[in-house]
């Protein structure tokens, strides 16, 4: 993180450049995906009266989290997981599940 800051009338004005690395699961296959974000933001933080220091962790974390995509893919052609057994279809493209799709039960079947 790099930037400039100044205080005026109980408000801290910040102009920051942030580089953040976020690791999150792929939305289809759950493999970890690491993404690097570079942000340049200007924002204000109110300073409460009689305060000697200001915690910037919460506003900076909110900036990073609001700018990232929560639905990342490990690759554009990710095949995801088998809906019946949960096998990774990227690792085994010729996967054929031993469980039949017709074995699914509905709520009506359970209430009979």
PDB file of N, CA and C in Angstrom:
ATOM      1  N   UNK A   1       0.838  -1.156   0.000  1.00  0.00           N
ATOM      2  CA  UNK A   1       0.000   0.000   0.000  1.00  0.00           C
ATOM      3  C   UNK A   1       0.889   1.226   0.000  1.00  0.00           C
ATOM      4  N   UNK A   2       0.471   2.218  -0.760  1.00  0.00           N
ATOM      5  CA  UNK A   2       1.211   3.464  -0.858  1.00  0.00           C
ATOM      6  C   UNK A   2       0.183   4.581  -0.993  1.00  0.00           C
ATOM      7  N   UNK A   3       0.481   5.752  -0.483  1.00  0.00           N
ATOM      8  CA  UNK A   3      -0.477   6.828  -0.645  1.00  0.00           C
ATOM      9  C   UNK A   3      -0.127   8.070   0.141  1.00  0.00           C
ATOM     10  N   UNK A   4      -1.080   8.992   0.146  1.00  0.00           N
ATOM     11  CA  UNK A   4      -0.928  10.254   0.844  1.00  0.00           C
ATOM     12  C   UNK A   4      -2.162  10.479   1.708  1.00  0.00           C
ATOM     13  N   UNK A   5      -1.968  11.236   2.792  1.00  0.00           N
ATOM     14  CA  UNK A   5      -3.085  11.528   3.682  1.00  0.00           C
ATOM     15  C   UNK A   5      -2.895  12.910   4.288  1.00  0.00           C
ATOM     16  N   UNK A   6      -4.036  13.561   4.591  1.00  0.00           N
ATOM     17  CA  UNK A   6      -3.999  14.804   5.346  1.00  0.00           C
ATOM     18  C   UNK A   6      -5.284  14.911   6.163  1.00  0.00           C
ATOM     19  N   UNK A   7      -5.210  15.724   7.234  1.00  0.00           N
ATOM     20  CA  UNK A   7      -6.346  15.904   8.141  1.00  0.00           C
ATOM     21  C   UNK A   7      -6.840  17.330   8.026  1.00  0.00           C
ATOM     22  N   UNK A   8      -8.190  17.450   7.985  1.00  0.00           N
ATOM     23  CA  UNK A   8      -8.799  18.770   7.961  1.00  0.00           C
ATOM     24  C   UNK A   8     -10.180  18.660   8.600  1.00  0.00           C
ATOM     25  N   UNK A   9     -10.437  19.462   9.626  1.00  0.00           N
ATOM     26  CA  UNK A   9     -11.733  19.520  10.288  1.00  0.00           C
ATOM     27  C   UNK A   9     -12.242  18.143  10.726  1.00  0.00           C
ATOM     28  N   UNK A  10     -11.445  17.433  11.472  1.00  0.00           N
ATOM     29  CA  UNK A  10     -11.800  16.118  12.038  1.00  0.00           C
ATOM     30  C   UNK A  10     -12.097  15.052  10.985  1.00  0.00           C
ATOM     31  N   UNK A  11     -11.502  15.185   9.823  1.00  0.00           N
ATOM     32  CA  UNK A  11     -11.650  14.182   8.774  1.00  0.00           C
ATOM     33  C   UNK A  11     -10.276  13.873   8.202  1.00  0.00           C
ATOM     34  N   UNK A  12     -10.000  12.575   8.055  1.00  0.00           N
ATOM     35  CA  UNK A  12      -8.756  12.117   7.451  1.00  0.00           C
ATOM     36  C   UNK A  12      -9.036  11.827   5.977  1.00  0.00           C
ATOM     37  N   UNK A  13      -8.347  12.515   5.095  1.00  0.00           N
ATOM     38  CA  UNK A  13      -8.505  12.322   3.653  1.00  0.00           C
ATOM     39  C   UNK A  13      -7.350  11.470   3.161  1.00  0.00           C
ATOM     40  N   UNK A  14      -7.666  10.378   2.469  1.00  0.00           N
ATOM     41  CA  UNK A  14      -6.648   9.432   2.007  1.00  0.00           C
ATOM     42  C   UNK A  14      -6.725   9.270   0.496  1.00  0.00           C
ATOM     43  N   UNK A  15      -5.557   9.179  -0.112  1.00  0.00           N
ATOM     44  CA  UNK A  15      -5.414   8.840  -1.532  1.00  0.00           C
ATOM     45  C   UNK A  15      -4.414   7.694  -1.560  1.00  0.00           C
ATOM     46  N   UNK A  16      -4.915   6.453  -1.795  1.00  0.00           N
ATOM     47  CA  UNK A  16      -4.078   5.270  -1.642  1.00  0.00           C
ATOM     48  C   UNK A  16      -4.060   4.420  -2.907  1.00  0.00           C
ATOM     49  N   UNK A  17      -2.947   3.739  -3.077  1.00  0.00           N
ATOM     50  CA  UNK A  17      -2.807   2.703  -4.104  1.00  0.00           C
ATOM     51  C   UNK A  17      -2.602   1.391  -3.348  1.00  0.00           C
ATOM     52  N   UNK A  18      -3.482   0.433  -3.597  1.00  0.00           N
ATOM     53  CA  UNK A  18      -3.474  -0.822  -2.849  1.00  0.00           C
ATOM     54  C   UNK A  18      -3.257  -1.974  -3.818  1.00  0.00           C
ATOM     55  N   UNK A  19      -2.359  -2.892  -3.458  1.00  0.00           N
ATOM     56  CA  UNK A  19      -2.218  -4.152  -4.177  1.00  0.00           C
ATOM     57  C   UNK A  19      -2.606  -5.259  -3.204  1.00  0.00           C
ATOM     58  N   UNK A  20      -3.571  -6.085  -3.614  1.00  0.00           N
ATOM     59  CA  UNK A  20      -4.055  -7.146  -2.746  1.00  0.00           C
ATOM     60  C   UNK A  20      -4.134  -8.449  -3.515  1.00  0.00           C
ATOM     61  N   UNK A  21      -3.764  -9.526  -2.842  1.00  0.00           N
ATOM     62  CA  UNK A  21      -3.861 -10.859  -3.411  1.00  0.00           C
ATOM     63  C   UNK A  21      -4.965 -11.591  -2.661  1.00  0.00           C
ATOM     64  N   UNK A  22      -5.985 -12.046  -3.404  1.00  0.00           N
ATOM     65  CA  UNK A  22      -7.120 -12.734  -2.794  1.00  0.00           C
ATOM     66  C   UNK A  22      -7.163 -14.162  -3.311  1.00  0.00           C
ATOM     67  N   UNK A  23      -7.253 -15.115  -2.384  1.00  0.00           N
ATOM     68  CA  UNK A  23      -7.409 -16.519  -2.757  1.00  0.00           C
ATOM     69  C   UNK A  23      -8.815 -16.960  -2.358  1.00  0.00           C
ATOM     70  N   UNK A  24      -9.536 -17.487  -3.329  1.00  0.00           N
ATOM     71  CA  UNK A  24     -10.904 -17.938  -3.094  1.00  0.00           C
ATOM     72  C   UNK A  24     -11.191 -19.147  -3.958  1.00  0.00           C
ATOM     73  N   UNK A  25     -12.234 -19.919  -3.642  1.00  0.00           N
ATOM     74  CA  UNK A  25     -12.511 -21.127  -4.423  1.00  0.00           C
ATOM     75  C   UNK A  25     -13.189 -20.803  -5.752  1.00  0.00           C
ATOM     76  N   UNK A  26     -12.893 -21.629  -6.756  1.00  0.00           N
ATOM     77  CA  UNK A  26     -13.566 -21.548  -8.051  1.00  0.00           C
ATOM     78  C   UNK A  26     -15.046 -21.831  -7.820  1.00  0.00           C
ATOM     79  N   UNK A  27     -15.911 -21.110  -8.497  1.00  0.00           N
ATOM     80  CA  UNK A  27     -17.346 -21.281  -8.253  1.00  0.00           C
ATOM     81  C   UNK A  27     -17.905 -22.590  -8.797  1.00  0.00           C
ATOM     82  N   UNK A  28     -17.159 -23.254  -9.671  1.00  0.00           N
ATOM     83  CA  UNK A  28     -17.649 -24.519 -10.236  1.00  0.00           C
ATOM     84  C   UNK A  28     -16.977 -25.746  -9.640  1.00  0.00           C
ATOM     85  N   UNK A  29     -15.642 -25.720  -9.479  1.00  0.00           N
ATOM     86  CA  UNK A  29     -14.940 -26.933  -9.037  1.00  0.00           C
ATOM     87  C   UNK A  29     -14.309 -26.799  -7.649  1.00  0.00           C
ATOM     88  N   UNK A  30     -14.374 -25.617  -7.049  1.00  0.00           N
ATOM     89  CA  UNK A  30     -13.869 -25.342  -5.706  1.00  0.00           C
ATOM     90  C   UNK A  30     -12.352 -25.385  -5.573  1.00  0.00           C
ATOM     91  N   UNK A  31     -11.608 -25.421  -6.681  1.00  0.00           N
ATOM     92  CA  UNK A  31     -10.148 -25.336  -6.618  1.00  0.00           C
ATOM     93  C   UNK A  31      -9.756 -23.910  -6.224  1.00  0.00           C
ATOM     94  N   UNK A  32      -8.664 -23.729  -5.481  1.00  0.00           N
ATOM     95  CA  UNK A  32      -8.276 -22.371  -5.090  1.00  0.00           C
ATOM     96  C   UNK A  32      -7.819 -21.541  -6.299  1.00  0.00           C
ATOM     97  N   UNK A  33      -8.282 -20.296  -6.331  1.00  0.00           N
ATOM     98  CA  UNK A  33      -7.931 -19.357  -7.399  1.00  0.00           C
ATOM     99  C   UNK A  33      -7.334 -18.129  -6.732  1.00  0.00           C
ATOM    100  N   UNK A  34      -6.149 -17.731  -7.154  1.00  0.00           N
ATOM    101  CA  UNK A  34      -5.466 -16.569  -6.592  1.00  0.00           C
ATOM    102  C   UNK A  34      -5.536 -15.425  -7.603  1.00  0.00           C
ATOM    103  N   UNK A  35      -6.026 -14.272  -7.153  1.00  0.00           N
ATOM    104  CA  UNK A  35      -6.197 -13.122  -8.028  1.00  0.00           C
ATOM    105  C   UNK A  35      -5.493 -11.924  -7.408  1.00  0.00           C
ATOM    106  N   UNK A  36      -4.784 -11.150  -8.228  1.00  0.00           N
ATOM    107  CA  UNK A  36      -4.104  -9.943  -7.774  1.00  0.00           C
ATOM    108  C   UNK A  36      -4.916  -8.737  -8.209  1.00  0.00           C
ATOM    109  N   UNK A  37      -5.257  -7.881  -7.261  1.00  0.00           N
ATOM    110  CA  UNK A  37      -6.020  -6.660  -7.531  1.00  0.00           C
ATOM    111  C   UNK A  37      -5.148  -5.453  -7.256  1.00  0.00           C
ATOM    112  N   UNK A  38      -5.253  -4.443  -8.107  1.00  0.00           N
ATOM    113  CA  UNK A  38      -4.575  -3.172  -7.916  1.00  0.00           C
ATOM    114  C   UNK A  38      -5.640  -2.092  -7.918  1.00  0.00           C
ATOM    115  N   UNK A  39      -5.726  -1.356  -6.830  1.00  0.00           N
ATOM    116  CA  UNK A  39      -6.743  -0.323  -6.666  1.00  0.00           C
ATOM    117  C   UNK A  39      -6.098   1.022  -6.423  1.00  0.00           C
ATOM    118  N   UNK A  40      -6.715   2.056  -6.918  1.00  0.00           N
ATOM    119  CA  UNK A  40      -6.329   3.428  -6.590  1.00  0.00           C
ATOM    120  C   UNK A  40      -7.607   4.113  -6.141  1.00  0.00           C
ATOM    121  N   UNK A  41      -7.675   4.472  -4.881  1.00  0.00           N
ATOM    122  CA  UNK A  41      -8.899   5.025  -4.305  1.00  0.00           C
ATOM    123  C   UNK A  41      -8.607   6.276  -3.494  1.00  0.00           C
ATOM    124  N   UNK A  42      -9.600   7.147  -3.465  1.00  0.00           N
ATOM    125  CA  UNK A  42      -9.587   8.319  -2.607  1.00  0.00           C
ATOM    126  C   UNK A  42     -10.810   8.219  -1.714  1.00  0.00           C
ATOM    127  N   UNK A  43     -10.619   8.329  -0.402  1.00  0.00           N
ATOM    128  CA  UNK A  43     -11.753   8.244   0.508  1.00  0.00           C
ATOM    129  C   UNK A  43     -11.472   9.029   1.775  1.00  0.00           C
ATOM    130  N   UNK A  44     -12.533   9.185   2.577  1.00  0.00           N
ATOM    131  CA  UNK A  44     -12.462   9.968   3.804  1.00  0.00           C
ATOM    132  C   UNK A  44     -12.805   9.080   4.995  1.00  0.00           C
ATOM    133  N   UNK A  45     -12.143   9.361   6.125  1.00  0.00           N
ATOM    134  CA  UNK A  45     -12.420   8.653   7.369  1.00  0.00           C
ATOM    135  C   UNK A  45     -12.654   9.705   8.449  1.00  0.00           C
ATOM    136  N   UNK A  46     -13.841   9.695   9.062  1.00  0.00           N
ATOM    137  CA  UNK A  46     -14.066  10.666  10.148  1.00  0.00           C
ATOM    138  C   UNK A  46     -13.222  10.327  11.365  1.00  0.00           C
ATOM    139  N   UNK A  47     -12.722  11.353  12.019  1.00  0.00           N
ATOM    140  CA  UNK A  47     -11.909  11.173  13.219  1.00  0.00           C
ATOM    141  C   UNK A  47     -12.762  11.580  14.420  1.00  0.00           C
ATOM    142  N   UNK A  48     -13.055  10.646  15.325  1.00  0.00           N
ATOM    143  CA  UNK A  48     -13.842  10.990  16.520  1.00  0.00           C
ATOM    144  C   UNK A  48     -13.073  11.970  17.409  1.00  0.00           C
ATOM    145  N   UNK A  49     -13.798  12.805  18.169  1.00  0.00           N
ATOM    146  CA  UNK A  49     -13.118  13.756  19.066  1.00  0.00           C
ATOM    147  C   UNK A  49     -12.262  13.027  20.108  1.00  0.00           C
ATOM    148  N   UNK A  50     -11.168  13.642  20.493  1.00  0.00           N
ATOM    149  CA  UNK A  50     -10.246  13.142  21.522  1.00  0.00           C
ATOM    150  C   UNK A  50      -9.658  11.783  21.159  1.00  0.00           C
ATOM    151  N   UNK A  51      -9.393  11.553  19.872  1.00  0.00           N
ATOM    152  CA  UNK A  51      -8.798  10.300  19.417  1.00  0.00           C
ATOM    153  C   UNK A  51      -7.347  10.548  19.020  1.00  0.00           C
ATOM    154  N   UNK A  52      -6.454   9.664  19.462  1.00  0.00           N
ATOM    155  CA  UNK A  52      -5.048   9.805  19.129  1.00  0.00           C
ATOM    156  C   UNK A  52      -4.650   9.012  17.900  1.00  0.00           C
ATOM    157  N   UNK A  53      -5.431   7.984  17.547  1.00  0.00           N
ATOM    158  CA  UNK A  53      -5.107   7.181  16.374  1.00  0.00           C
ATOM    159  C   UNK A  53      -6.404   6.745  15.693  1.00  0.00           C
ATOM    160  N   UNK A  54      -6.282   6.402  14.405  1.00  0.00           N
ATOM    161  CA  UNK A  54      -7.428   5.972  13.611  1.00  0.00           C
ATOM    162  C   UNK A  54      -7.099   4.616  13.010  1.00  0.00           C
ATOM    163  N   UNK A  55      -8.001   3.662  13.183  1.00  0.00           N
ATOM    164  CA  UNK A  55      -7.813   2.323  12.626  1.00  0.00           C
ATOM    165  C   UNK A  55      -8.308   2.328  11.183  1.00  0.00           C
ATOM    166  N   UNK A  56      -7.414   2.081  10.232  1.00  0.00           N
ATOM    167  CA  UNK A  56      -7.764   2.098   8.814  1.00  0.00           C
ATOM    168  C   UNK A  56      -8.026   0.711   8.260  1.00  0.00           C
ATOM    169  N   UNK A  57      -7.913  -0.329   9.091  1.00  0.00           N
ATOM    170  CA  UNK A  57      -8.072  -1.695   8.608  1.00  0.00           C
ATOM    171  C   UNK A  57      -9.462  -1.918   8.011  1.00  0.00           C
ATOM    172  N   UNK A  58     -10.513  -1.534   8.698  1.00  0.00           N
ATOM    173  CA  UNK A  58     -11.881  -1.778   8.230  1.00  0.00           C
ATOM    174  C   UNK A  58     -12.192  -1.059   6.906  1.00  0.00           C
ATOM    175  N   UNK A  59     -11.894   0.236   6.757  1.00  0.00           N
ATOM    176  CA  UNK A  59     -12.199   0.872   5.470  1.00  0.00           C
ATOM    177  C   UNK A  59     -11.364   0.329   4.306  1.00  0.00           C
ATOM    178  N   UNK A  60     -10.102  -0.015   4.568  1.00  0.00           N
ATOM    179  CA  UNK A  60      -9.272  -0.559   3.491  1.00  0.00           C
ATOM    180  C   UNK A  60      -9.736  -1.958   3.100  1.00  0.00           C
ATOM    181  N   UNK A  61     -10.101  -2.780   4.068  1.00  0.00           N
ATOM    182  CA  UNK A  61     -10.612  -4.105   3.788  1.00  0.00           C
ATOM    183  C   UNK A  61     -11.931  -4.022   3.011  1.00  0.00           C
ATOM    184  N   UNK A  62     -12.787  -3.076   3.368  1.00  0.00           N
ATOM    185  CA  UNK A  62     -14.047  -2.889   2.653  1.00  0.00           C
ATOM    186  C   UNK A  62     -13.799  -2.491   1.200  1.00  0.00           C
ATOM    187  N   UNK A  63     -12.790  -1.662   0.949  1.00  0.00           N
ATOM    188  CA  UNK A  63     -12.448  -1.281  -0.432  1.00  0.00           C
ATOM    189  C   UNK A  63     -12.019  -2.483  -1.255  1.00  0.00           C
ATOM    190  N   UNK A  64     -11.164  -3.303  -0.686  1.00  0.00           N
ATOM    191  CA  UNK A  64     -10.658  -4.467  -1.422  1.00  0.00           C
ATOM    192  C   UNK A  64     -11.778  -5.463  -1.674  1.00  0.00           C
ATOM    193  N   UNK A  65     -12.568  -5.761  -0.651  1.00  0.00           N
ATOM    194  CA  UNK A  65     -13.629  -6.752  -0.800  1.00  0.00           C
ATOM    195  C   UNK A  65     -14.743  -6.286  -1.730  1.00  0.00           C
ATOM    196  N   UNK A  66     -14.996  -4.987  -1.788  1.00  0.00           N
ATOM    197  CA  UNK A  66     -16.048  -4.494  -2.683  1.00  0.00           C
ATOM    198  C   UNK A  66     -15.602  -4.454  -4.136  1.00  0.00           C
ATOM    199  N   UNK A  67     -14.317  -4.542  -4.393  1.00  0.00           N
ATOM    200  CA  UNK A  67     -13.833  -4.452  -5.772  1.00  0.00           C
ATOM    201  C   UNK A  67     -13.555  -5.814  -6.400  1.00  0.00           C
ATOM    202  N   UNK A  68     -13.575  -6.897  -5.628  1.00  0.00           N
ATOM    203  CA  UNK A  68     -13.244  -8.200  -6.199  1.00  0.00           C
ATOM    204  C   UNK A  68     -14.505  -8.928  -6.666  1.00  0.00           C
ATOM    205  N   UNK A  69     -14.320  -9.848  -7.601  1.00  0.00           N
ATOM    206  CA  UNK A  69     -15.414 -10.661  -8.142  1.00  0.00           C
ATOM    207  C   UNK A  69     -15.588 -11.883  -7.256  1.00  0.00           C
ATOM    208  N   UNK A  70     -16.749 -12.065  -6.620  1.00  0.00           N
ATOM    209  CA  UNK A  70     -16.919 -13.215  -5.739  1.00  0.00           C
ATOM    210  C   UNK A  70     -17.159 -14.528  -6.488  1.00  0.00           C
ATOM    211  N   UNK A  71     -17.366 -14.478  -7.798  1.00  0.00           N
ATOM    212  CA  UNK A  71     -17.675 -15.679  -8.590  1.00  0.00           C
ATOM    213  C   UNK A  71     -16.575 -15.949  -9.615  1.00  0.00           C
ATOM    214  N   UNK A  72     -15.371 -16.232  -9.153  1.00  0.00           N
ATOM    215  CA  UNK A  72     -14.258 -16.470 -10.067  1.00  0.00           C
ATOM    216  C   UNK A  72     -14.263 -17.907 -10.576  1.00  0.00           C
ATOM    217  N   UNK A  73     -13.650 -18.090 -11.733  1.00  0.00           N
ATOM    218  CA  UNK A  73     -13.450 -19.420 -12.311  1.00  0.00           C
ATOM    219  C   UNK A  73     -11.965 -19.696 -12.376  1.00  0.00           C
ATOM    220  N   UNK A  74     -11.582 -20.957 -12.191  1.00  0.00           N
ATOM    221  CA  UNK A  74     -10.168 -21.320 -12.285  1.00  0.00           C
ATOM    222  C   UNK A  74      -9.689 -21.227 -13.736  1.00  0.00           C
ATOM    223  N   UNK A  75     -10.588 -21.464 -14.662  1.00  0.00           N
ATOM    224  CA  UNK A  75     -10.314 -21.304 -16.091  1.00  0.00           C
ATOM    225  C   UNK A  75     -11.664 -21.178 -16.810  1.00  0.00           C
ATOM    226  N   UNK A  76     -11.692 -20.566 -17.984  1.00  0.00           N
ATOM    227  CA  UNK A  76     -12.972 -20.321 -18.655  1.00  0.00           C
ATOM    228  C   UNK A  76     -13.761 -21.588 -18.986  1.00  0.00           C
ATOM    229  N   UNK A  77     -13.065 -22.694 -19.250  1.00  0.00           N
ATOM    230  CA  UNK A  77     -13.760 -23.922 -19.618  1.00  0.00           C
ATOM    231  C   UNK A  77     -13.858 -24.910 -18.445  1.00  0.00           C
ATOM    232  N   UNK A  78     -13.930 -24.397 -17.226  1.00  0.00           N
ATOM    233  CA  UNK A  78     -14.030 -25.258 -16.039  1.00  0.00           C
ATOM    234  C   UNK A  78     -15.320 -26.071 -16.116  1.00  0.00           C
ATOM    235  N   UNK A  79     -15.191 -27.377 -15.929  1.00  0.00           N
ATOM    236  CA  UNK A  79     -16.338 -28.280 -16.038  1.00  0.00           C
ATOM    237  C   UNK A  79     -17.039 -28.485 -14.702  1.00  0.00           C
ATOM    238  N   UNK A  80     -16.414 -28.117 -13.618  1.00  0.00           N
ATOM    239  CA  UNK A  80     -17.049 -28.197 -12.306  1.00  0.00           C
ATOM    240  C   UNK A  80     -16.999 -29.579 -11.691  1.00  0.00           C
ATOM    241  N   UNK A  81     -17.980 -29.867 -10.854  1.00  0.00           N
ATOM    242  CA  UNK A  81     -18.068 -31.123 -10.122  1.00  0.00           C
ATOM    243  C   UNK A  81     -19.253 -31.939 -10.622  1.00  0.00           C
ATOM    244  N   UNK A  82     -19.135 -33.233 -10.525  1.00  0.00           N
ATOM    245  CA  UNK A  82     -20.241 -34.127 -10.890  1.00  0.00           C
ATOM    246  C   UNK A  82     -21.398 -33.872  -9.925  1.00  0.00           C
ATOM    247  N   UNK A  83     -22.608 -33.621 -10.430  1.00  0.00           N
ATOM    248  CA  UNK A  83     -23.723 -33.331  -9.530  1.00  0.00           C
ATOM    249  C   UNK A  83     -24.164 -34.528  -8.688  1.00  0.00           C
ATOM    250  N   UNK A  84     -23.806 -35.736  -9.097  1.00  0.00           N
ATOM    251  CA  UNK A  84     -24.223 -36.926  -8.349  1.00  0.00           C
ATOM    252  C   UNK A  84     -23.216 -37.331  -7.283  1.00  0.00           C
ATOM    253  N   UNK A  85     -21.914 -37.363  -7.628  1.00  0.00           N
ATOM    254  CA  UNK A  85     -20.931 -37.874  -6.666  1.00  0.00           C
ATOM    255  C   UNK A  85     -19.904 -36.831  -6.227  1.00  0.00           C
ATOM    256  N   UNK A  86     -19.831 -35.673  -6.900  1.00  0.00           N
ATOM    257  CA  UNK A  86     -18.900 -34.624  -6.509  1.00  0.00           C
ATOM    258  C   UNK A  86     -17.499 -34.778  -7.058  1.00  0.00           C
ATOM    259  N   UNK A  87     -17.271 -35.664  -8.027  1.00  0.00           N
ATOM    260  CA  UNK A  87     -15.946 -35.843  -8.616  1.00  0.00           C
ATOM    261  C   UNK A  87     -15.584 -34.619  -9.460  1.00  0.00           C
ATOM    262  N   UNK A  88     -14.294 -34.259  -9.465  1.00  0.00           N
ATOM    263  CA  UNK A  88     -13.811 -33.123 -10.254  1.00  0.00           C
ATOM    264  C   UNK A  88     -13.792 -33.522 -11.731  1.00  0.00           C
ATOM    265  N   UNK A  89     -14.628 -32.884 -12.534  1.00  0.00           N
ATOM    266  CA  UNK A  89     -14.725 -33.228 -13.957  1.00  0.00           C
ATOM    267  C   UNK A  89     -13.560 -32.667 -14.766  1.00  0.00           C
ATOM    268  N   UNK A  90     -12.784 -31.730 -14.213  1.00  0.00           N
ATOM    269  CA  UNK A  90     -11.581 -31.241 -14.893  1.00  0.00           C
ATOM    270  C   UNK A  90     -10.478 -32.287 -14.815  1.00  0.00           C
ATOM    271  N   UNK A  91     -10.358 -32.967 -13.692  1.00  0.00           N
ATOM    272  CA  UNK A  91      -9.326 -33.984 -13.515  1.00  0.00           C
ATOM    273  C   UNK A  91      -9.665 -35.263 -14.270  1.00  0.00           C
ATOM    274  N   UNK A  92     -10.943 -35.557 -14.398  1.00  0.00           N
ATOM    275  CA  UNK A  92     -11.391 -36.778 -15.072  1.00  0.00           C
ATOM    276  C   UNK A  92     -12.494 -36.416 -16.071  1.00  0.00           C
ATOM    277  N   UNK A  93     -12.116 -35.965 -17.281  1.00  0.00           N
ATOM    278  CA  UNK A  93     -13.123 -35.539 -18.258  1.00  0.00           C
ATOM    279  C   UNK A  93     -14.033 -36.667 -18.734  1.00  0.00           C
ATOM    280  N   UNK A  94     -13.569 -37.909 -18.666  1.00  0.00           N
ATOM    281  CA  UNK A  94     -14.369 -39.049 -19.118  1.00  0.00           C
ATOM    282  C   UNK A  94     -15.146 -39.689 -17.966  1.00  0.00           C
ATOM    283  N   UNK A  95     -15.384 -38.958 -16.925  1.00  0.00           N
ATOM    284  CA  UNK A  95     -16.067 -39.467 -15.738  1.00  0.00           C
ATOM    285  C   UNK A  95     -17.498 -39.882 -16.080  1.00  0.00           C
ATOM    286  N   UNK A  96     -17.853 -41.074 -15.669  1.00  0.00           N
ATOM    287  CA  UNK A  96     -19.244 -41.514 -15.761  1.00  0.00           C
ATOM    288  C   UNK A  96     -19.636 -41.993 -14.374  1.00  0.00           C
ATOM    289  N   UNK A  97     -20.609 -41.363 -13.827  1.00  0.00           N
ATOM    290  CA  UNK A  97     -20.990 -41.624 -12.448  1.00  0.00           C
ATOM    291  C   UNK A  97     -21.732 -42.948 -12.334  1.00  0.00           C
ATOM    292  N   UNK A  98     -21.424 -43.675 -11.277  1.00  0.00           N
ATOM    293  CA  UNK A  98     -22.088 -44.964 -11.064  1.00  0.00           C
ATOM    294  C   UNK A  98     -23.497 -44.780 -10.514  1.00  0.00           C
ATOM    295  N   UNK A  99     -23.771 -43.616  -9.930  1.00  0.00           N
ATOM    296  CA  UNK A  99     -25.113 -43.349  -9.420  1.00  0.00           C
ATOM    297  C   UNK A  99     -25.984 -42.851 -10.565  1.00  0.00           C
ATOM    298  N   UNK A 100     -27.132 -43.410 -10.697  1.00  0.00           N
ATOM    299  CA  UNK A 100     -28.050 -42.996 -11.760  1.00  0.00           C
ATOM    300  C   UNK A 100     -28.747 -41.706 -11.360  1.00  0.00           C
ATOM    301  N   UNK A 101     -29.045 -40.875 -12.342  1.00  0.00           N
ATOM    302  CA  UNK A 101     -29.743 -39.624 -12.101  1.00  0.00           C
ATOM    303  C   UNK A 101     -31.175 -39.872 -11.620  1.00  0.00           C
ATOM    304  N   UNK A 102     -31.756 -41.052 -11.935  1.00  0.00           N
ATOM    305  CA  UNK A 102     -33.134 -41.344 -11.584  1.00  0.00           C
ATOM    306  C   UNK A 102     -33.298 -41.702 -10.111  1.00  0.00           C
ATOM    307  N   UNK A 103     -32.206 -41.858  -9.375  1.00  0.00           N
ATOM    308  CA  UNK A 103     -32.287 -42.228  -7.970  1.00  0.00           C
ATOM    309  C   UNK A 103     -32.603 -41.045  -7.067  1.00  0.00           C
ATOM    310  N   UNK A 104     -32.772 -39.872  -7.641  1.00  0.00           N
ATOM    311  CA  UNK A 104     -33.067 -38.698  -6.820  1.00  0.00           C
ATOM    312  C   UNK A 104     -34.469 -38.807  -6.243  1.00  0.00           C
ATOM    313  N   UNK A 105     -34.598 -38.322  -5.030  1.00  0.00           N
ATOM    314  CA  UNK A 105     -35.896 -38.322  -4.376  1.00  0.00           C
ATOM    315  C   UNK A 105     -36.406 -36.893  -4.286  1.00  0.00           C
ATOM    316  N   UNK A 106     -37.689 -36.755  -4.318  1.00  0.00           N
ATOM    317  CA  UNK A 106     -38.303 -35.448  -4.141  1.00  0.00           C
ATOM    318  C   UNK A 106     -38.966 -35.409  -2.774  1.00  0.00           C
ATOM    319  N   UNK A 107     -39.399 -34.231  -2.384  1.00  0.00           N
ATOM    320  CA  UNK A 107     -40.061 -34.081  -1.095  1.00  0.00           C
ATOM    321  C   UNK A 107     -41.347 -34.896  -1.059  1.00  0.00           C
ATOM    322  N   UNK A 108     -42.045 -34.994  -2.188  1.00  0.00           N
ATOM    323  CA  UNK A 108     -43.269 -35.780  -2.253  1.00  0.00           C
ATOM    324  C   UNK A 108     -43.015 -37.261  -1.994  1.00  0.00           C
ATOM    325  N   UNK A 109     -41.866 -37.781  -2.452  1.00  0.00           N
ATOM    326  CA  UNK A 109     -41.520 -39.181  -2.204  1.00  0.00           C
ATOM    327  C   UNK A 109     -41.300 -39.444  -0.703  1.00  0.00           C
ATOM    328  N   UNK A 110     -40.723 -38.485  -0.025  1.00  0.00           N
ATOM    329  CA  UNK A 110     -40.450 -38.659   1.408  1.00  0.00           C
ATOM    330  C   UNK A 110     -41.709 -38.543   2.247  1.00  0.00           C
ATOM    331  N   UNK A 111     -42.702 -37.821   1.771  1.00  0.00           N
ATOM    332  CA  UNK A 111     -43.938 -37.624   2.551  1.00  0.00           C
ATOM    333  C   UNK A 111     -44.940 -38.764   2.363  1.00  0.00           C
ATOM    334  N   UNK A 112     -44.716 -39.658   1.431  1.00  0.00           N
ATOM    335  CA  UNK A 112     -45.636 -40.766   1.188  1.00  0.00           C
ATOM    336  C   UNK A 112     -45.602 -41.775   2.308  1.00  0.00           C
TER     337      UNK A 112
END
